[in-house]
Amino acid sequence: MEMTAQVINQCTTSLSQAVQGALSSLGALKQMVRRRRNKLGTPLRVPNILDTVIIPEEFTTYAPHCDELVSFLLADSCPSPQRILIFVSQRKVAILRELRTWYVMAHFNQCHRCSA
């Protein structure tokens, strides 16, 4: 099953900018898709443990513009309880390569439903 953001991207990429501007916010559109899935009895599956989370290749990219596919999952340490995911676009990596000093803020969040 496709992720909520992918459903929205597929439905909106062919629309004109004027029509896209008239749409609800991305958060509101995502909520509408989730509610419809729940009503149909087809919500996205929530993994039980981190070891079972598999990120399919098509979920590591997105299409910000028509005919443009951008990868945003730079690294995945592997499925394990101490899993590390690094999200960044190649454009941002190129910018970081040019900088002499980096200031980094890390978020160590975990999903309590998924914790091992």
N, C-alpha and C. Protein backbone atom coordinates (compact mmCIF):
# COMPACT_ATOMS: atom_id res chain seq x y z
N MET A 1 0.85 -1.18 0.00
CA MET A 1 0.00 0.00 0.00
C MET A 1 0.89 1.24 0.00
N GLU A 2 0.49 2.23 -0.75
CA GLU A 2 1.26 3.46 -0.87
C GLU A 2 1.14 4.32 0.39
N MET A 3 2.22 5.01 0.70
CA MET A 3 2.21 5.94 1.82
C MET A 3 1.29 7.11 1.49
N THR A 4 0.79 7.75 2.53
CA THR A 4 -0.14 8.87 2.37
C THR A 4 0.43 9.97 1.50
N ALA A 5 1.68 10.36 1.74
CA ALA A 5 2.30 11.43 0.95
C ALA A 5 2.42 11.05 -0.52
N GLN A 6 2.68 9.76 -0.80
CA GLN A 6 2.77 9.32 -2.19
C GLN A 6 1.43 9.42 -2.89
N VAL A 7 0.37 9.08 -2.20
CA VAL A 7 -0.97 9.19 -2.78
C VAL A 7 -1.25 10.64 -3.15
N ILE A 8 -0.93 11.54 -2.24
CA ILE A 8 -1.18 12.97 -2.49
C ILE A 8 -0.31 13.47 -3.64
N ASN A 9 0.97 13.10 -3.67
CA ASN A 9 1.86 13.52 -4.76
C ASN A 9 1.35 13.03 -6.11
N GLN A 10 0.91 11.78 -6.18
CA GLN A 10 0.41 11.24 -7.44
C GLN A 10 -0.83 11.98 -7.92
N CYS A 11 -1.65 12.41 -6.98
CA CYS A 11 -2.89 13.09 -7.35
C CYS A 11 -2.69 14.56 -7.68
N THR A 12 -1.64 15.17 -7.18
CA THR A 12 -1.49 16.62 -7.35
C THR A 12 -0.40 17.05 -8.32
N THR A 13 0.50 16.15 -8.72
CA THR A 13 1.62 16.58 -9.58
C THR A 13 1.16 17.08 -10.94
N SER A 14 0.06 16.56 -11.45
CA SER A 14 -0.40 16.99 -12.78
C SER A 14 -1.28 18.24 -12.72
N LEU A 15 -1.58 18.73 -11.53
CA LEU A 15 -2.42 19.91 -11.39
C LEU A 15 -1.62 21.19 -11.62
N SER A 16 -2.29 22.22 -12.08
CA SER A 16 -1.62 23.51 -12.27
C SER A 16 -1.28 24.10 -10.90
N GLN A 17 -0.36 25.05 -10.89
CA GLN A 17 0.02 25.69 -9.62
C GLN A 17 -1.16 26.42 -9.00
N ALA A 18 -2.03 26.98 -9.83
CA ALA A 18 -3.21 27.69 -9.31
C ALA A 18 -4.11 26.73 -8.55
N VAL A 19 -4.32 25.55 -9.13
CA VAL A 19 -5.18 24.56 -8.47
C VAL A 19 -4.50 24.04 -7.21
N GLN A 20 -3.20 23.76 -7.29
CA GLN A 20 -2.47 23.30 -6.11
C GLN A 20 -2.53 24.32 -4.98
N GLY A 21 -2.47 25.60 -5.33
CA GLY A 21 -2.55 26.66 -4.33
C GLY A 21 -3.90 26.74 -3.66
N ALA A 22 -4.95 26.31 -4.37
CA ALA A 22 -6.30 26.36 -3.81
C ALA A 22 -6.62 25.15 -2.93
N LEU A 23 -5.77 24.13 -2.97
CA LEU A 23 -6.00 22.94 -2.16
C LEU A 23 -5.77 23.23 -0.68
N SER A 24 -6.29 22.36 0.14
CA SER A 24 -6.04 22.44 1.58
C SER A 24 -4.55 22.23 1.84
N SER A 25 -4.12 22.49 3.06
CA SER A 25 -2.72 22.29 3.42
C SER A 25 -2.36 20.81 3.31
N LEU A 26 -1.06 20.52 3.21
CA LEU A 26 -0.61 19.14 3.10
C LEU A 26 -1.07 18.32 4.30
N GLY A 27 -0.98 18.89 5.48
CA GLY A 27 -1.43 18.19 6.68
C GLY A 27 -2.91 17.82 6.63
N ALA A 28 -3.73 18.75 6.13
CA ALA A 28 -5.16 18.48 6.02
C ALA A 28 -5.44 17.40 4.97
N LEU A 29 -4.70 17.44 3.86
CA LEU A 29 -4.87 16.41 2.82
C LEU A 29 -4.48 15.04 3.35
N LYS A 30 -3.37 14.98 4.09
CA LYS A 30 -2.94 13.70 4.66
C LYS A 30 -4.00 13.15 5.62
N GLN A 31 -4.56 14.04 6.42
CA GLN A 31 -5.59 13.61 7.38
C GLN A 31 -6.82 13.07 6.64
N MET A 32 -7.20 13.71 5.53
CA MET A 32 -8.34 13.22 4.75
C MET A 32 -8.07 11.82 4.20
N VAL A 33 -6.85 11.59 3.69
CA VAL A 33 -6.50 10.27 3.16
C VAL A 33 -6.53 9.24 4.28
N ARG A 34 -5.96 9.57 5.44
CA ARG A 34 -5.96 8.63 6.57
C ARG A 34 -7.38 8.29 7.02
N ARG A 35 -8.23 9.30 7.11
CA ARG A 35 -9.62 9.06 7.53
C ARG A 35 -10.35 8.16 6.54
N ARG A 36 -10.10 8.39 5.24
CA ARG A 36 -10.75 7.57 4.21
C ARG A 36 -10.25 6.13 4.30
N ARG A 37 -8.95 5.95 4.51
CA ARG A 37 -8.41 4.60 4.66
C ARG A 37 -9.01 3.90 5.87
N ASN A 38 -9.11 4.61 6.97
CA ASN A 38 -9.70 4.02 8.18
C ASN A 38 -11.16 3.64 7.94
N LYS A 39 -11.89 4.51 7.24
CA LYS A 39 -13.31 4.24 6.95
C LYS A 39 -13.45 3.00 6.06
N LEU A 40 -12.51 2.83 5.12
CA LEU A 40 -12.54 1.67 4.23
C LEU A 40 -11.98 0.42 4.89
N GLY A 41 -11.42 0.58 6.09
CA GLY A 41 -10.84 -0.55 6.80
C GLY A 41 -9.48 -0.96 6.26
N THR A 42 -8.75 0.00 5.65
CA THR A 42 -7.44 -0.31 5.09
C THR A 42 -6.37 0.66 5.59
N PRO A 43 -6.27 0.86 6.91
CA PRO A 43 -5.21 1.77 7.40
C PRO A 43 -3.84 1.15 7.18
N LEU A 44 -2.81 2.00 7.18
CA LEU A 44 -1.44 1.49 7.06
C LEU A 44 -1.11 0.66 8.28
N ARG A 45 -0.38 -0.42 8.06
CA ARG A 45 -0.01 -1.33 9.13
C ARG A 45 1.04 -0.68 10.02
N VAL A 46 0.87 -0.81 11.34
CA VAL A 46 1.84 -0.31 12.31
C VAL A 46 2.71 -1.49 12.72
N PRO A 47 4.04 -1.38 12.53
CA PRO A 47 4.91 -2.50 12.90
C PRO A 47 4.92 -2.74 14.40
N ASN A 48 5.11 -3.99 14.79
CA ASN A 48 5.15 -4.35 16.21
C ASN A 48 6.50 -4.07 16.84
N ILE A 49 7.57 -4.36 16.13
CA ILE A 49 8.93 -4.13 16.63
C ILE A 49 9.78 -3.55 15.52
N LEU A 50 10.85 -2.86 15.89
CA LEU A 50 11.71 -2.20 14.90
C LEU A 50 12.35 -3.19 13.94
N ASP A 51 12.63 -4.40 14.40
CA ASP A 51 13.26 -5.39 13.52
C ASP A 51 12.40 -5.72 12.31
N THR A 52 11.09 -5.52 12.42
CA THR A 52 10.20 -5.87 11.31
C THR A 52 9.96 -4.72 10.34
N VAL A 53 10.49 -3.54 10.64
CA VAL A 53 10.28 -2.39 9.76
C VAL A 53 11.19 -2.53 8.55
N ILE A 54 10.58 -2.64 7.39
CA ILE A 54 11.31 -2.70 6.13
C ILE A 54 10.88 -1.49 5.31
N ILE A 55 11.85 -0.71 4.86
CA ILE A 55 11.54 0.48 4.08
C ILE A 55 11.73 0.13 2.61
N PRO A 56 10.63 -0.04 1.86
CA PRO A 56 10.76 -0.35 0.44
C PRO A 56 11.44 0.80 -0.32
N GLU A 57 12.11 0.47 -1.40
CA GLU A 57 12.87 1.44 -2.19
C GLU A 57 12.00 2.63 -2.61
N GLU A 58 10.75 2.38 -2.98
CA GLU A 58 9.90 3.48 -3.45
C GLU A 58 9.54 4.47 -2.34
N PHE A 59 9.74 4.09 -1.08
CA PHE A 59 9.45 4.99 0.03
C PHE A 59 10.66 5.81 0.45
N THR A 60 11.77 5.65 -0.22
CA THR A 60 12.98 6.41 0.10
C THR A 60 13.15 7.61 -0.83
N THR A 61 12.19 7.82 -1.71
CA THR A 61 12.25 8.94 -2.66
C THR A 61 10.91 9.66 -2.68
N TYR A 62 10.92 10.86 -3.22
CA TYR A 62 9.67 11.58 -3.43
C TYR A 62 9.81 12.42 -4.70
N ALA A 63 8.69 12.92 -5.20
CA ALA A 63 8.69 13.72 -6.42
C ALA A 63 8.21 15.13 -6.09
N PRO A 64 9.14 16.07 -5.85
CA PRO A 64 8.73 17.44 -5.53
C PRO A 64 8.14 18.16 -6.75
N HIS A 65 8.56 17.73 -7.93
CA HIS A 65 8.06 18.31 -9.18
C HIS A 65 7.80 17.17 -10.16
N CYS A 66 7.00 17.45 -11.16
CA CYS A 66 6.69 16.46 -12.18
C CYS A 66 7.99 15.98 -12.85
N ASP A 67 8.11 14.69 -13.04
CA ASP A 67 9.28 14.08 -13.69
C ASP A 67 10.59 14.29 -12.94
N GLU A 68 10.54 14.53 -11.64
CA GLU A 68 11.75 14.68 -10.84
C GLU A 68 11.62 13.78 -9.61
N LEU A 69 12.55 12.87 -9.45
CA LEU A 69 12.54 11.95 -8.32
C LEU A 69 13.75 12.25 -7.45
N VAL A 70 13.52 12.52 -6.17
CA VAL A 70 14.58 12.90 -5.24
C VAL A 70 14.68 11.86 -4.13
N SER A 71 15.90 11.40 -3.88
CA SER A 71 16.15 10.46 -2.79
C SER A 71 16.36 11.26 -1.51
N PHE A 72 15.73 10.85 -0.42
CA PHE A 72 15.93 11.56 0.84
C PHE A 72 16.36 10.66 1.99
N LEU A 73 16.49 9.36 1.75
CA LEU A 73 17.03 8.47 2.77
C LEU A 73 18.49 8.20 2.40
N LEU A 74 19.40 8.89 3.06
CA LEU A 74 20.83 8.77 2.74
C LEU A 74 21.41 7.47 3.28
N ALA A 75 20.99 7.08 4.49
CA ALA A 75 21.56 5.87 5.09
C ALA A 75 20.55 5.20 6.01
N ASP A 76 20.63 3.88 6.07
CA ASP A 76 19.81 3.05 6.95
C ASP A 76 20.75 2.00 7.52
N SER A 77 21.01 2.06 8.82
CA SER A 77 22.00 1.16 9.43
C SER A 77 21.59 -0.31 9.34
N CYS A 78 20.33 -0.60 9.29
CA CYS A 78 19.75 -1.93 9.12
C CYS A 78 18.62 -2.09 10.13
N PRO A 79 17.72 -3.02 9.87
CA PRO A 79 16.66 -3.26 10.85
C PRO A 79 17.23 -3.84 12.15
N SER A 80 17.13 -3.08 13.21
CA SER A 80 17.56 -3.52 14.53
C SER A 80 16.98 -2.57 15.57
N PRO A 81 17.00 -2.92 16.84
CA PRO A 81 16.49 -2.01 17.87
C PRO A 81 17.30 -0.71 17.97
N GLN A 82 18.56 -0.72 17.52
CA GLN A 82 19.40 0.48 17.56
C GLN A 82 19.54 1.09 16.16
N ARG A 83 18.51 1.02 15.40
CA ARG A 83 18.54 1.45 14.00
C ARG A 83 18.78 2.95 13.89
N ILE A 84 19.56 3.34 12.88
CA ILE A 84 19.83 4.74 12.60
C ILE A 84 19.41 5.03 11.16
N LEU A 85 18.56 6.03 10.99
CA LEU A 85 18.14 6.49 9.67
C LEU A 85 18.64 7.91 9.48
N ILE A 86 19.22 8.20 8.33
CA ILE A 86 19.68 9.56 8.03
C ILE A 86 18.90 10.06 6.83
N PHE A 87 18.10 11.10 7.05
CA PHE A 87 17.29 11.69 5.99
C PHE A 87 17.92 13.00 5.53
N VAL A 88 18.24 13.08 4.25
CA VAL A 88 18.79 14.31 3.67
C VAL A 88 18.77 14.15 2.15
N SER A 89 18.57 15.24 1.45
CA SER A 89 18.63 15.19 -0.01
C SER A 89 20.07 15.37 -0.47
N GLN A 90 20.36 14.92 -1.68
CA GLN A 90 21.71 15.07 -2.23
C GLN A 90 22.07 16.54 -2.39
N ARG A 91 21.07 17.37 -2.65
CA ARG A 91 21.31 18.82 -2.77
C ARG A 91 21.83 19.38 -1.44
N LYS A 92 21.24 18.94 -0.34
CA LYS A 92 21.69 19.40 0.98
C LYS A 92 23.08 18.85 1.31
N VAL A 93 23.37 17.62 0.89
CA VAL A 93 24.70 17.05 1.10
C VAL A 93 25.74 17.89 0.36
N ALA A 94 25.43 18.31 -0.86
CA ALA A 94 26.35 19.15 -1.63
C ALA A 94 26.61 20.47 -0.92
N ILE A 95 25.58 21.04 -0.32
CA ILE A 95 25.74 22.29 0.43
C ILE A 95 26.64 22.05 1.64
N LEU A 96 26.42 20.96 2.35
CA LEU A 96 27.24 20.64 3.53
C LEU A 96 28.70 20.43 3.17
N ARG A 97 28.96 19.84 2.01
CA ARG A 97 30.35 19.62 1.58
C ARG A 97 31.10 20.94 1.42
N GLU A 98 30.38 21.99 1.07
CA GLU A 98 31.01 23.29 0.84
C GLU A 98 31.28 24.06 2.14
N LEU A 99 30.61 23.68 3.22
CA LEU A 99 30.74 24.40 4.48
C LEU A 99 31.92 23.91 5.30
N ARG A 100 32.56 24.83 5.96
CA ARG A 100 33.70 24.48 6.81
C ARG A 100 33.25 24.02 8.20
N THR A 101 32.18 24.61 8.71
CA THR A 101 31.68 24.29 10.05
C THR A 101 30.22 23.85 9.95
N TRP A 102 29.89 22.78 10.66
CA TRP A 102 28.52 22.29 10.73
C TRP A 102 28.03 22.44 12.17
N TYR A 103 26.79 22.86 12.32
CA TYR A 103 26.12 22.85 13.61
C TYR A 103 25.02 21.81 13.50
N VAL A 104 25.03 20.84 14.39
CA VAL A 104 24.14 19.70 14.27
C VAL A 104 23.24 19.60 15.49
N MET A 105 21.98 19.28 15.25
CA MET A 105 21.05 19.01 16.32
C MET A 105 20.46 17.63 16.06
N ALA A 106 20.55 16.74 17.01
CA ALA A 106 20.06 15.38 16.82
C ALA A 106 18.77 15.18 17.60
N HIS A 107 17.88 14.43 16.99
CA HIS A 107 16.62 14.04 17.65
C HIS A 107 16.65 12.53 17.80
N PHE A 108 16.57 12.07 19.01
CA PHE A 108 16.58 10.65 19.26
C PHE A 108 15.18 10.23 19.70
N ASN A 109 14.30 10.18 18.73
CA ASN A 109 12.91 9.80 19.01
C ASN A 109 12.73 8.32 18.78
N GLN A 110 11.81 7.75 19.50
CA GLN A 110 11.47 6.36 19.25
C GLN A 110 9.97 6.22 19.32
N CYS A 111 9.48 5.27 18.58
CA CYS A 111 8.06 4.97 18.58
C CYS A 111 7.81 3.98 19.70
N HIS A 112 7.04 4.37 20.70
CA HIS A 112 6.82 3.50 21.85
C HIS A 112 6.10 2.22 21.47
N ARG A 113 5.23 2.28 20.47
CA ARG A 113 4.56 1.06 20.02
C ARG A 113 5.56 0.08 19.42
N CYS A 114 6.64 0.62 18.84
CA CYS A 114 7.60 -0.22 18.11
C CYS A 114 8.81 -0.58 18.93
N SER A 115 8.97 -0.01 20.11
CA SER A 115 10.21 -0.25 20.86
C SER A 115 10.33 -1.72 21.23
N ALA A 116 11.57 -2.19 21.16
CA ALA A 116 11.83 -3.61 21.41
C ALA A 116 11.82 -3.93 22.89
